[in-house]
């Protein structure tokens, strides 16, 4: 028998749902793993999901918002607002350890922790995700997406993308 009373999910439950929303450009990691979902909160009866894009020109930003909304609607949520927060700016330091391991297993070299702080963005030491060698070199500043650069390993000779540090 239906009473007409709906139970609102906890924010913890909503976070777990969002862990199932893949990044459209790198589907092996979720939007939560990438650290772009910044907050989940209820404002009255409306669920507000705050998202910080990886950078202001990211072509996937609108797709991410649509995918988040679709995932929440599949869970029965009706009153949803996706809020964009640009400050503080997203940083690769927000990428979870789990996501870094997934990136590497997928063949993408994850960004170095703290690269933004130590000033090594121009000459990062990038480990090959295939063989682990540090004997790597940048081939092109941009890779398959603007947030990645094309690299190759001088030891195993495999090409790979490096997720740039921001």
N, C-alpha and C. Protein backbone atom coordinates (compact mmCIF):
# COMPACT_ATOMS: atom_id res chain seq x y z
N UNK A 1 0.84 -1.18 0.00
CA UNK A 1 0.00 0.00 0.00
C UNK A 1 0.88 1.24 0.00
N UNK A 2 0.63 2.15 -0.89
CA UNK A 2 1.42 3.37 -0.99
C UNK A 2 0.79 4.45 -0.13
N UNK A 3 1.61 5.08 0.68
CA UNK A 3 1.10 6.13 1.55
C UNK A 3 1.25 7.51 0.94
N UNK A 4 2.01 7.61 -0.15
CA UNK A 4 2.21 8.91 -0.78
C UNK A 4 3.36 9.69 -0.15
N UNK A 5 3.96 9.14 0.88
CA UNK A 5 5.07 9.82 1.54
C UNK A 5 6.37 9.28 0.95
N UNK A 6 7.16 10.17 0.41
CA UNK A 6 8.44 9.72 -0.15
C UNK A 6 9.53 9.93 0.88
N UNK A 7 10.49 9.05 0.87
CA UNK A 7 11.61 9.21 1.77
C UNK A 7 12.77 9.80 0.99
N UNK A 8 13.31 10.83 1.54
CA UNK A 8 14.43 11.51 0.89
C UNK A 8 15.71 10.74 1.18
N UNK A 9 16.52 10.51 0.14
CA UNK A 9 17.78 9.79 0.37
C UNK A 9 18.75 10.66 1.17
N UNK A 10 19.67 10.02 1.83
CA UNK A 10 20.70 10.77 2.53
C UNK A 10 21.69 11.32 1.50
N UNK A 11 22.42 12.35 1.88
CA UNK A 11 23.44 12.88 0.96
C UNK A 11 24.52 11.83 0.72
N UNK A 12 24.77 10.99 1.72
CA UNK A 12 25.75 9.90 1.54
C UNK A 12 25.29 8.96 0.44
N UNK A 13 24.00 8.66 0.40
CA UNK A 13 23.47 7.79 -0.64
C UNK A 13 23.58 8.45 -2.01
N UNK A 14 23.30 9.75 -2.08
CA UNK A 14 23.41 10.48 -3.34
C UNK A 14 24.86 10.46 -3.83
N UNK A 15 25.81 10.68 -2.91
CA UNK A 15 27.23 10.61 -3.29
C UNK A 15 27.54 9.24 -3.91
N UNK A 16 27.00 8.18 -3.31
CA UNK A 16 27.28 6.83 -3.85
C UNK A 16 26.67 6.67 -5.24
N UNK A 17 25.52 7.26 -5.49
CA UNK A 17 24.93 7.21 -6.83
C UNK A 17 25.83 7.93 -7.83
N UNK A 18 26.36 9.08 -7.42
CA UNK A 18 27.20 9.88 -8.31
C UNK A 18 28.52 9.19 -8.63
N UNK A 19 28.97 8.29 -7.75
CA UNK A 19 30.18 7.52 -8.03
C UNK A 19 30.01 6.62 -9.24
N UNK A 20 28.77 6.40 -9.65
CA UNK A 20 28.50 5.60 -10.83
C UNK A 20 28.37 6.40 -12.12
N UNK A 21 28.56 7.71 -12.03
CA UNK A 21 28.47 8.57 -13.22
C UNK A 21 29.87 8.72 -13.81
N UNK A 22 30.12 8.12 -14.97
CA UNK A 22 31.47 8.20 -15.54
C UNK A 22 31.76 9.56 -16.17
N UNK A 23 33.02 9.93 -16.17
CA UNK A 23 33.44 11.10 -16.91
C UNK A 23 33.26 10.78 -18.39
N UNK A 24 32.66 11.68 -19.17
CA UNK A 24 32.41 11.35 -20.58
C UNK A 24 33.67 11.22 -21.44
N UNK A 25 34.77 11.83 -21.02
CA UNK A 25 36.01 11.75 -21.79
C UNK A 25 36.91 10.61 -21.33
N UNK A 26 36.79 10.23 -20.07
CA UNK A 26 37.60 9.14 -19.51
C UNK A 26 36.65 8.24 -18.72
N UNK A 27 35.93 7.34 -19.38
CA UNK A 27 34.85 6.60 -18.74
C UNK A 27 35.25 5.63 -17.63
N UNK A 28 36.53 5.40 -17.42
CA UNK A 28 36.92 4.49 -16.33
C UNK A 28 36.93 5.17 -14.97
N UNK A 29 36.78 6.49 -14.95
CA UNK A 29 36.72 7.22 -13.67
C UNK A 29 35.39 7.96 -13.57
N UNK A 30 34.93 8.10 -12.35
CA UNK A 30 33.65 8.79 -12.14
C UNK A 30 33.88 10.28 -11.91
N UNK A 31 32.78 11.02 -12.00
CA UNK A 31 32.87 12.46 -11.75
C UNK A 31 33.22 12.74 -10.28
N UNK A 32 32.88 11.80 -9.41
CA UNK A 32 33.27 11.93 -8.00
C UNK A 32 34.77 11.66 -7.85
N UNK A 33 35.26 10.58 -8.50
CA UNK A 33 36.68 10.25 -8.44
C UNK A 33 37.56 11.38 -8.96
N UNK A 34 37.07 12.10 -9.98
CA UNK A 34 37.84 13.22 -10.52
C UNK A 34 37.82 14.45 -9.62
N UNK A 35 36.93 14.45 -8.65
CA UNK A 35 36.87 15.57 -7.72
C UNK A 35 36.10 16.77 -8.27
N UNK A 36 35.33 16.57 -9.33
CA UNK A 36 34.59 17.71 -9.88
C UNK A 36 33.24 17.90 -9.21
N UNK A 37 32.71 16.86 -8.55
CA UNK A 37 31.52 17.05 -7.73
C UNK A 37 32.02 17.56 -6.38
N UNK A 38 31.66 18.78 -6.06
CA UNK A 38 32.19 19.43 -4.86
C UNK A 38 31.27 19.32 -3.66
N UNK A 39 29.95 19.25 -3.91
CA UNK A 39 29.02 19.22 -2.78
C UNK A 39 27.69 18.63 -3.23
N UNK A 40 27.03 18.00 -2.29
CA UNK A 40 25.68 17.48 -2.47
C UNK A 40 24.90 17.92 -1.24
N UNK A 41 23.80 18.65 -1.45
CA UNK A 41 23.02 19.16 -0.32
C UNK A 41 21.57 19.35 -0.73
N UNK A 42 20.70 19.28 0.25
CA UNK A 42 19.30 19.59 0.00
C UNK A 42 19.05 21.02 0.45
N UNK A 43 18.38 21.77 -0.41
CA UNK A 43 17.89 23.10 -0.07
C UNK A 43 16.37 22.98 -0.14
N UNK A 44 15.77 22.79 1.01
CA UNK A 44 14.35 22.47 1.05
C UNK A 44 14.15 21.10 0.44
N UNK A 45 13.30 21.01 -0.56
CA UNK A 45 13.04 19.74 -1.25
C UNK A 45 13.90 19.56 -2.49
N UNK A 46 14.72 20.55 -2.80
CA UNK A 46 15.54 20.50 -4.01
C UNK A 46 16.94 19.96 -3.70
N UNK A 47 17.38 19.00 -4.50
CA UNK A 47 18.73 18.47 -4.38
C UNK A 47 19.66 19.34 -5.22
N UNK A 48 20.68 19.88 -4.59
CA UNK A 48 21.64 20.74 -5.28
C UNK A 48 22.99 20.01 -5.33
N UNK A 49 23.47 19.81 -6.55
CA UNK A 49 24.78 19.18 -6.75
C UNK A 49 25.70 20.27 -7.30
N UNK A 50 26.76 20.54 -6.56
CA UNK A 50 27.71 21.58 -6.96
C UNK A 50 28.88 20.93 -7.67
N UNK A 51 29.18 21.46 -8.86
CA UNK A 51 30.21 20.90 -9.73
C UNK A 51 31.21 22.00 -10.08
N UNK A 52 32.48 21.65 -10.03
CA UNK A 52 33.54 22.54 -10.49
C UNK A 52 34.16 21.91 -11.73
N UNK A 53 34.04 22.59 -12.89
CA UNK A 53 34.62 22.02 -14.11
C UNK A 53 36.14 21.95 -14.01
N UNK A 54 36.73 21.01 -14.75
CA UNK A 54 38.18 20.86 -14.72
C UNK A 54 38.87 22.11 -15.23
N UNK A 55 38.28 22.77 -16.19
CA UNK A 55 38.73 24.10 -16.62
C UNK A 55 37.57 24.78 -17.34
N UNK A 56 37.61 26.09 -17.45
CA UNK A 56 36.45 26.84 -17.93
C UNK A 56 36.04 26.48 -19.35
N UNK A 57 36.94 26.02 -20.17
CA UNK A 57 36.61 25.68 -21.55
C UNK A 57 36.37 24.20 -21.79
N UNK A 58 36.22 23.43 -20.74
CA UNK A 58 36.06 21.98 -20.90
C UNK A 58 34.78 21.69 -21.69
N UNK A 59 34.91 21.02 -22.84
CA UNK A 59 33.73 20.73 -23.66
C UNK A 59 32.78 19.72 -23.03
N UNK A 60 33.22 19.02 -22.01
CA UNK A 60 32.38 17.99 -21.39
C UNK A 60 31.52 18.53 -20.25
N UNK A 61 31.67 19.78 -19.88
CA UNK A 61 30.97 20.33 -18.72
C UNK A 61 29.46 20.16 -18.82
N UNK A 62 28.87 20.51 -19.96
CA UNK A 62 27.41 20.40 -20.07
C UNK A 62 26.97 18.94 -20.11
N UNK A 63 27.77 18.08 -20.72
CA UNK A 63 27.45 16.66 -20.76
C UNK A 63 27.49 16.08 -19.34
N UNK A 64 28.46 16.49 -18.56
CA UNK A 64 28.57 16.01 -17.18
C UNK A 64 27.32 16.40 -16.39
N UNK A 65 26.88 17.64 -16.52
CA UNK A 65 25.68 18.09 -15.82
C UNK A 65 24.46 17.26 -16.24
N UNK A 66 24.34 17.01 -17.53
CA UNK A 66 23.21 16.21 -18.03
C UNK A 66 23.27 14.77 -17.50
N UNK A 67 24.46 14.20 -17.47
CA UNK A 67 24.61 12.82 -16.99
C UNK A 67 24.33 12.71 -15.49
N UNK A 68 24.75 13.71 -14.73
CA UNK A 68 24.46 13.72 -13.29
C UNK A 68 22.95 13.79 -13.08
N UNK A 69 22.31 14.71 -13.79
CA UNK A 69 20.86 14.85 -13.65
C UNK A 69 20.14 13.57 -14.06
N UNK A 70 20.54 12.96 -15.17
CA UNK A 70 19.90 11.73 -15.64
C UNK A 70 20.07 10.60 -14.61
N UNK A 71 21.26 10.48 -14.03
CA UNK A 71 21.50 9.43 -13.04
C UNK A 71 20.61 9.63 -11.81
N UNK A 72 20.44 10.87 -11.40
CA UNK A 72 19.61 11.15 -10.23
C UNK A 72 18.13 10.93 -10.53
N UNK A 73 17.71 11.28 -11.73
CA UNK A 73 16.30 11.05 -12.13
C UNK A 73 16.01 9.54 -12.18
N UNK A 74 16.99 8.75 -12.63
CA UNK A 74 16.78 7.29 -12.64
C UNK A 74 16.59 6.74 -11.23
N UNK A 75 17.09 7.46 -10.24
CA UNK A 75 16.94 7.06 -8.84
C UNK A 75 15.68 7.67 -8.20
N UNK A 76 14.88 8.35 -9.03
CA UNK A 76 13.61 8.89 -8.52
C UNK A 76 13.66 10.34 -8.06
N UNK A 77 14.79 10.98 -8.20
CA UNK A 77 14.88 12.39 -7.80
C UNK A 77 14.19 13.25 -8.86
N UNK A 78 13.39 14.20 -8.41
CA UNK A 78 12.67 15.06 -9.35
C UNK A 78 13.13 16.51 -9.30
N UNK A 79 13.39 17.01 -8.11
CA UNK A 79 13.79 18.41 -7.97
C UNK A 79 15.31 18.47 -7.82
N UNK A 80 15.96 18.76 -8.93
CA UNK A 80 17.44 18.73 -9.00
C UNK A 80 17.93 20.04 -9.58
N UNK A 81 19.01 20.55 -9.00
CA UNK A 81 19.68 21.71 -9.59
C UNK A 81 21.18 21.42 -9.60
N UNK A 82 21.79 21.60 -10.76
CA UNK A 82 23.24 21.46 -10.89
C UNK A 82 23.81 22.87 -10.82
N UNK A 83 24.64 23.10 -9.84
CA UNK A 83 25.22 24.43 -9.61
C UNK A 83 26.70 24.37 -9.96
N UNK A 84 27.15 25.35 -10.72
CA UNK A 84 28.57 25.42 -11.10
C UNK A 84 29.31 26.34 -10.14
N UNK A 85 30.45 25.87 -9.64
CA UNK A 85 31.30 26.68 -8.76
C UNK A 85 32.68 26.76 -9.41
N UNK A 86 33.10 27.97 -9.72
CA UNK A 86 34.38 28.16 -10.39
C UNK A 86 35.53 28.48 -9.43
N UNK A 87 35.21 28.84 -8.19
CA UNK A 87 36.24 29.19 -7.23
C UNK A 87 36.00 28.41 -5.94
N UNK A 88 37.01 27.73 -5.44
CA UNK A 88 38.36 27.65 -5.99
C UNK A 88 38.37 26.83 -7.26
N UNK A 89 39.33 27.13 -8.10
CA UNK A 89 39.48 26.42 -9.36
C UNK A 89 39.83 24.96 -9.10
N UNK A 90 39.31 24.09 -9.96
CA UNK A 90 39.61 22.67 -9.85
C UNK A 90 41.12 22.44 -10.02
N UNK A 91 41.63 21.47 -9.31
CA UNK A 91 43.03 21.09 -9.40
C UNK A 91 43.11 19.56 -9.49
N UNK A 92 44.12 19.08 -10.16
CA UNK A 92 44.30 17.63 -10.26
C UNK A 92 44.60 17.01 -8.90
N UNK A 93 44.94 17.81 -7.91
CA UNK A 93 45.13 17.28 -6.56
C UNK A 93 43.82 16.74 -5.99
N UNK A 94 42.68 17.11 -6.58
CA UNK A 94 41.37 16.63 -6.12
C UNK A 94 41.05 15.25 -6.67
N UNK A 95 41.84 14.73 -7.59
CA UNK A 95 41.61 13.39 -8.14
C UNK A 95 41.94 12.36 -7.06
N UNK A 96 41.02 11.45 -6.83
CA UNK A 96 41.21 10.45 -5.77
C UNK A 96 42.33 9.46 -6.14
N UNK A 97 42.85 8.81 -5.12
CA UNK A 97 43.87 7.78 -5.35
C UNK A 97 43.29 6.64 -6.18
N UNK A 98 42.04 6.29 -5.91
CA UNK A 98 41.36 5.24 -6.68
C UNK A 98 41.33 5.61 -8.16
N UNK A 99 41.04 6.87 -8.47
CA UNK A 99 40.99 7.31 -9.86
C UNK A 99 42.38 7.29 -10.49
N UNK A 100 43.40 7.65 -9.73
CA UNK A 100 44.77 7.63 -10.26
C UNK A 100 45.17 6.20 -10.66
N UNK A 101 44.79 5.24 -9.86
CA UNK A 101 45.08 3.84 -10.19
C UNK A 101 44.30 3.39 -11.42
N UNK A 102 43.03 3.83 -11.52
CA UNK A 102 42.21 3.48 -12.68
C UNK A 102 42.78 4.10 -13.95
N UNK A 103 43.23 5.36 -13.86
CA UNK A 103 43.82 6.02 -15.03
C UNK A 103 45.04 5.24 -15.52
N UNK A 104 45.91 4.87 -14.58
CA UNK A 104 47.12 4.14 -14.94
C UNK A 104 46.79 2.79 -15.58
N UNK A 105 45.83 2.08 -15.00
CA UNK A 105 45.43 0.78 -15.56
C UNK A 105 44.82 0.93 -16.95
N UNK A 106 44.24 2.08 -17.22
CA UNK A 106 43.61 2.38 -18.51
C UNK A 106 44.65 2.84 -19.54
N UNK A 107 45.88 3.09 -19.07
CA UNK A 107 46.95 3.50 -19.98
C UNK A 107 47.18 4.99 -20.02
N UNK A 108 46.65 5.72 -19.05
CA UNK A 108 46.85 7.17 -18.95
C UNK A 108 47.71 7.44 -17.72
N UNK A 109 48.80 8.16 -17.91
CA UNK A 109 49.65 8.50 -16.77
C UNK A 109 48.92 9.54 -15.93
N UNK A 110 48.68 9.25 -14.65
CA UNK A 110 47.98 10.22 -13.80
C UNK A 110 48.87 11.42 -13.49
N UNK A 111 48.26 12.54 -13.16
CA UNK A 111 49.05 13.73 -12.83
C UNK A 111 49.79 13.54 -11.50
N UNK A 112 50.91 14.20 -11.40
CA UNK A 112 51.70 14.14 -10.16
C UNK A 112 51.00 14.96 -9.09
N UNK A 113 51.00 14.46 -7.85
CA UNK A 113 50.46 15.23 -6.72
C UNK A 113 51.32 16.46 -6.49
N UNK A 114 50.68 17.57 -6.24
CA UNK A 114 51.39 18.77 -5.85
C UNK A 114 52.21 19.42 -6.94
N UNK A 115 52.08 18.97 -8.18
CA UNK A 115 52.87 19.55 -9.26
C UNK A 115 52.60 21.04 -9.37
N UNK A 116 51.38 21.43 -9.08
CA UNK A 116 51.01 22.84 -9.15
C UNK A 116 51.82 23.66 -8.15
N UNK A 117 52.10 23.06 -7.01
CA UNK A 117 52.78 23.79 -5.94
C UNK A 117 54.30 23.84 -6.08
N UNK A 118 54.89 22.83 -6.67
CA UNK A 118 56.35 22.78 -6.72
C UNK A 118 56.92 23.34 -8.02
N UNK A 119 56.06 23.80 -8.90
CA UNK A 119 56.51 24.47 -10.11
C UNK A 119 57.14 23.59 -11.15
N UNK A 120 56.78 22.31 -11.20
CA UNK A 120 57.38 21.41 -12.19
C UNK A 120 56.44 21.13 -13.36
N UNK A 121 55.48 22.02 -13.63
CA UNK A 121 54.52 21.80 -14.70
C UNK A 121 55.17 21.74 -16.08
N UNK A 122 56.23 22.52 -16.28
CA UNK A 122 56.86 22.56 -17.60
C UNK A 122 57.71 21.32 -17.88
N UNK A 123 58.27 20.73 -16.84
CA UNK A 123 59.13 19.56 -17.01
C UNK A 123 58.79 18.47 -16.00
N UNK A 124 57.55 17.96 -16.03
CA UNK A 124 57.22 16.93 -15.05
C UNK A 124 57.92 15.61 -15.36
N UNK A 125 58.17 14.84 -14.33
CA UNK A 125 58.67 13.48 -14.50
C UNK A 125 57.42 12.61 -14.61
N UNK A 126 57.23 12.02 -15.77
CA UNK A 126 56.01 11.25 -16.03
C UNK A 126 56.39 9.78 -16.19
N UNK A 127 55.81 8.96 -15.33
CA UNK A 127 56.07 7.52 -15.38
C UNK A 127 55.18 6.87 -16.42
N UNK A 128 55.76 6.00 -17.21
CA UNK A 128 55.01 5.27 -18.23
C UNK A 128 53.95 4.39 -17.55
N UNK A 129 52.68 4.50 -17.93
CA UNK A 129 51.65 3.66 -17.31
C UNK A 129 51.73 2.20 -17.76
N UNK A 130 52.50 1.92 -18.80
CA UNK A 130 52.61 0.55 -19.31
C UNK A 130 53.73 -0.25 -18.63
N UNK A 131 54.92 0.39 -18.50
CA UNK A 131 56.05 -0.37 -17.94
C UNK A 131 56.64 0.26 -16.67
N UNK A 132 56.20 1.47 -16.32
CA UNK A 132 56.68 2.12 -15.10
C UNK A 132 57.96 2.91 -15.27
N UNK A 133 58.54 2.95 -16.45
CA UNK A 133 59.78 3.67 -16.68
C UNK A 133 59.58 5.18 -16.58
N UNK A 134 60.60 5.86 -16.09
CA UNK A 134 60.59 7.32 -16.07
C UNK A 134 61.31 7.89 -17.29
N UNK A 135 61.77 7.02 -18.17
CA UNK A 135 62.44 7.44 -19.41
C UNK A 135 61.36 7.76 -20.44
N UNK A 136 60.68 8.87 -20.24
CA UNK A 136 59.57 9.25 -21.10
C UNK A 136 59.80 10.65 -21.65
N UNK A 137 59.07 10.97 -22.71
CA UNK A 137 59.19 12.31 -23.29
C UNK A 137 57.85 12.76 -23.87
N UNK A 138 57.65 14.06 -23.81
CA UNK A 138 56.43 14.62 -24.37
C UNK A 138 56.54 14.67 -25.90
N UNK A 139 55.49 14.23 -26.56
CA UNK A 139 55.44 14.23 -28.02
C UNK A 139 54.65 15.46 -28.50
N UNK A 140 53.54 15.74 -27.81
CA UNK A 140 52.70 16.88 -28.17
C UNK A 140 52.05 17.43 -26.91
N UNK A 141 51.90 18.72 -26.87
CA UNK A 141 51.34 19.39 -25.69
C UNK A 141 49.89 18.97 -25.43
N UNK A 142 49.17 18.61 -26.50
CA UNK A 142 47.78 18.18 -26.34
C UNK A 142 47.62 16.76 -26.85
N UNK A 143 46.83 15.98 -26.12
CA UNK A 143 46.58 14.59 -26.49
C UNK A 143 45.18 14.42 -27.01
N UNK A 144 44.53 13.33 -26.59
CA UNK A 144 43.20 13.02 -27.09
C UNK A 144 42.14 14.00 -26.60
N UNK A 145 42.44 14.72 -25.52
CA UNK A 145 41.58 15.79 -25.02
C UNK A 145 42.51 16.93 -24.57
N UNK A 146 41.99 18.15 -24.44
CA UNK A 146 42.85 19.28 -24.04
C UNK A 146 43.50 19.12 -22.66
N UNK A 147 42.92 18.29 -21.79
CA UNK A 147 43.49 18.13 -20.45
C UNK A 147 44.60 17.07 -20.40
N UNK A 148 44.90 16.48 -21.56
CA UNK A 148 45.96 15.47 -21.61
C UNK A 148 47.00 15.85 -22.67
N UNK A 149 48.21 15.39 -22.46
CA UNK A 149 49.31 15.58 -23.42
C UNK A 149 49.74 14.22 -23.94
N UNK A 150 50.28 14.20 -25.14
CA UNK A 150 50.77 12.94 -25.72
C UNK A 150 52.23 12.73 -25.33
N UNK A 151 52.52 11.56 -24.81
CA UNK A 151 53.87 11.19 -24.39
C UNK A 151 54.21 9.84 -24.98
N UNK A 152 55.50 9.49 -24.89
CA UNK A 152 55.93 8.14 -25.27
C UNK A 152 57.05 7.72 -24.32
N UNK A 153 57.15 6.41 -24.21
CA UNK A 153 58.17 5.82 -23.36
C UNK A 153 59.36 5.44 -24.24
N UNK A 154 60.55 5.83 -23.81
CA UNK A 154 61.75 5.48 -24.57
C UNK A 154 62.21 4.04 -24.27
N UNK A 155 61.68 3.43 -23.22
CA UNK A 155 62.05 2.05 -22.90
C UNK A 155 61.14 1.03 -23.60
N UNK A 156 59.84 1.13 -23.38
CA UNK A 156 58.94 0.14 -24.00
C UNK A 156 58.38 0.63 -25.35
N UNK A 157 58.67 1.88 -25.69
CA UNK A 157 58.29 2.50 -26.97
C UNK A 157 56.78 2.70 -27.16
N UNK A 158 56.03 2.56 -26.08
CA UNK A 158 54.57 2.73 -26.18
C UNK A 158 54.19 4.21 -26.04
N UNK A 159 53.25 4.67 -26.85
CA UNK A 159 52.70 6.02 -26.65
C UNK A 159 51.65 5.98 -25.54
N UNK A 160 51.44 7.13 -24.90
CA UNK A 160 50.40 7.21 -23.87
C UNK A 160 50.01 8.66 -23.65
N UNK A 161 48.84 8.84 -23.04
CA UNK A 161 48.41 10.17 -22.63
C UNK A 161 48.86 10.42 -21.21
N UNK A 162 49.20 11.67 -20.93
CA UNK A 162 49.51 12.12 -19.57
C UNK A 162 48.44 13.12 -19.18
N UNK A 163 47.75 12.88 -18.08
CA UNK A 163 46.74 13.80 -17.57
C UNK A 163 47.49 14.97 -16.93
N UNK A 164 47.44 16.13 -17.58
CA UNK A 164 48.21 17.28 -17.14
C UNK A 164 47.83 17.73 -15.74
N UNK A 165 48.81 18.25 -15.02
CA UNK A 165 48.56 18.80 -13.68
C UNK A 165 48.05 20.21 -13.82
N UNK A 166 47.01 20.50 -13.07
CA UNK A 166 46.43 21.85 -13.04
C UNK A 166 46.41 22.35 -11.63
